[in-house]
């Protein structure tokens, strides 16, 4: 199982805060998440390390997708 957590406006866009998905083989995160998320407006953490939507994920991984935080 891959655990995917969504934070902030990304959770609203996805319609959920968390997904659990069982994979038959490793795959790129962008192929797993159907909704197009702006690469410039989100941070991807895989097992608490920086990743990208092109990173291969596998069962047992934990993924967090959150918006970039900025202030003014």
C-alpha atoms as a PDB file:
ATOM      1  CA  UNK A   1       0.000   0.000   0.000  1.00  0.00           C
ATOM      2  CA  UNK A   2       1.094   3.543  -0.762  1.00  0.00           C
ATOM      3  CA  UNK A   3      -0.239   6.198   1.598  1.00  0.00           C
ATOM      4  CA  UNK A   4      -0.777   9.571  -0.103  1.00  0.00           C
ATOM      5  CA  UNK A   5      -1.646  12.637   1.998  1.00  0.00           C
ATOM      6  CA  UNK A   6      -2.815  15.952   0.572  1.00  0.00           C
ATOM      7  CA  UNK A   7      -2.432  19.246   2.431  1.00  0.00           C
ATOM      8  CA  UNK A   8      -4.216  22.612   2.019  1.00  0.00           C
ATOM      9  CA  UNK A   9      -5.864  23.597  -1.252  1.00  0.00           C
ATOM     10  CA  UNK A  10      -4.537  20.389  -2.827  1.00  0.00           C
ATOM     11  CA  UNK A  11      -6.761  18.344  -0.480  1.00  0.00           C
ATOM     12  CA  UNK A  12      -9.714  20.465  -1.564  1.00  0.00           C
ATOM     13  CA  UNK A  13      -8.840  19.966  -5.235  1.00  0.00           C
ATOM     14  CA  UNK A  14      -8.476  16.190  -4.732  1.00  0.00           C
ATOM     15  CA  UNK A  15     -11.660  15.947  -2.652  1.00  0.00           C
ATOM     16  CA  UNK A  16      -9.873  14.053   0.132  1.00  0.00           C
ATOM     17  CA  UNK A  17      -6.996  14.416   2.576  1.00  0.00           C
ATOM     18  CA  UNK A  18      -5.692  10.875   2.215  1.00  0.00           C
ATOM     19  CA  UNK A  19      -5.604   7.935  -0.196  1.00  0.00           C
ATOM     20  CA  UNK A  20      -4.310   4.404   0.212  1.00  0.00           C
ATOM     21  CA  UNK A  21      -3.416   2.691  -3.042  1.00  0.00           C
ATOM     22  CA  UNK A  22      -2.057  -0.797  -3.661  1.00  0.00           C
ATOM     23  CA  UNK A  23       0.409  -0.998  -6.562  1.00  0.00           C
ATOM     24  CA  UNK A  24       1.282  -4.075  -8.607  1.00  0.00           C
ATOM     25  CA  UNK A  25       4.586  -2.490  -9.648  1.00  0.00           C
ATOM     26  CA  UNK A  26       6.477   0.758  -8.997  1.00  0.00           C
ATOM     27  CA  UNK A  27       5.151   3.720 -10.962  1.00  0.00           C
ATOM     28  CA  UNK A  28       5.716   7.441 -11.303  1.00  0.00           C
ATOM     29  CA  UNK A  29       3.681   9.594  -8.947  1.00  0.00           C
ATOM     30  CA  UNK A  30       2.299  11.620 -11.872  1.00  0.00           C
ATOM     31  CA  UNK A  31       0.814   8.411 -13.320  1.00  0.00           C
ATOM     32  CA  UNK A  32      -0.841   7.580 -10.005  1.00  0.00           C
ATOM     33  CA  UNK A  33      -2.421  10.968  -9.288  1.00  0.00           C
ATOM     34  CA  UNK A  34      -5.021  11.731 -11.945  1.00  0.00           C
ATOM     35  CA  UNK A  35      -5.569  15.418 -11.161  1.00  0.00           C
ATOM     36  CA  UNK A  36      -3.034  17.758 -12.734  1.00  0.00           C
ATOM     37  CA  UNK A  37      -1.229  19.581  -9.943  1.00  0.00           C
ATOM     38  CA  UNK A  38       0.991  22.524 -10.770  1.00  0.00           C
ATOM     39  CA  UNK A  39       4.610  21.523 -10.217  1.00  0.00           C
ATOM     40  CA  UNK A  40       5.389  25.134  -9.328  1.00  0.00           C
ATOM     41  CA  UNK A  41       2.711  25.289  -6.649  1.00  0.00           C
ATOM     42  CA  UNK A  42       3.328  22.050  -4.793  1.00  0.00           C
ATOM     43  CA  UNK A  43       5.983  20.219  -2.791  1.00  0.00           C
ATOM     44  CA  UNK A  44       6.290  16.432  -2.924  1.00  0.00           C
ATOM     45  CA  UNK A  45       7.748  14.444  -0.035  1.00  0.00           C
ATOM     46  CA  UNK A  46       8.298  10.710  -0.407  1.00  0.00           C
ATOM     47  CA  UNK A  47       9.196   8.967   2.850  1.00  0.00           C
ATOM     48  CA  UNK A  48       9.861  12.480   4.245  1.00  0.00           C
ATOM     49  CA  UNK A  49      12.466  13.245   1.543  1.00  0.00           C
ATOM     50  CA  UNK A  50      12.043  15.682  -1.330  1.00  0.00           C
ATOM     51  CA  UNK A  51      10.672  14.052  -4.459  1.00  0.00           C
ATOM     52  CA  UNK A  52       8.991  15.021  -7.715  1.00  0.00           C
ATOM     53  CA  UNK A  53       6.000  13.877  -9.717  1.00  0.00           C
ATOM     54  CA  UNK A  54       8.495  11.827 -11.797  1.00  0.00           C
ATOM     55  CA  UNK A  55       9.769   9.868  -8.768  1.00  0.00           C
ATOM     56  CA  UNK A  56       8.986   6.132  -8.804  1.00  0.00           C
ATOM     57  CA  UNK A  57       6.892   5.059  -5.836  1.00  0.00           C
ATOM     58  CA  UNK A  58       6.223   1.558  -4.571  1.00  0.00           C
ATOM     59  CA  UNK A  59       4.157  -0.211  -1.925  1.00  0.00           C
ATOM     60  CA  UNK A  60       5.286   0.841   1.545  1.00  0.00           C
ATOM     61  CA  UNK A  61       6.032   4.434   0.512  1.00  0.00           C
ATOM     62  CA  UNK A  62       4.461   7.426   2.208  1.00  0.00           C
ATOM     63  CA  UNK A  63       3.762  10.447  -0.008  1.00  0.00           C
ATOM     64  CA  UNK A  64       2.818  13.969   1.063  1.00  0.00           C
ATOM     65  CA  UNK A  65       1.781  16.583  -1.495  1.00  0.00           C
ATOM     66  CA  UNK A  66       1.451  20.110  -0.125  1.00  0.00           C
ATOM     67  CA  UNK A  67       1.323  23.634  -1.471  1.00  0.00           C
ATOM     68  CA  UNK A  68       4.332  25.912  -1.497  1.00  0.00           C
ATOM     69  CA  UNK A  69       3.989  28.306   1.431  1.00  0.00           C
ATOM     70  CA  UNK A  70       4.783  31.944   0.803  1.00  0.00           C
ATOM     71  CA  UNK A  71       4.052  35.209   2.488  1.00  0.00           C
ATOM     72  CA  UNK A  72       4.361  38.828   1.847  1.00  0.00           C
END
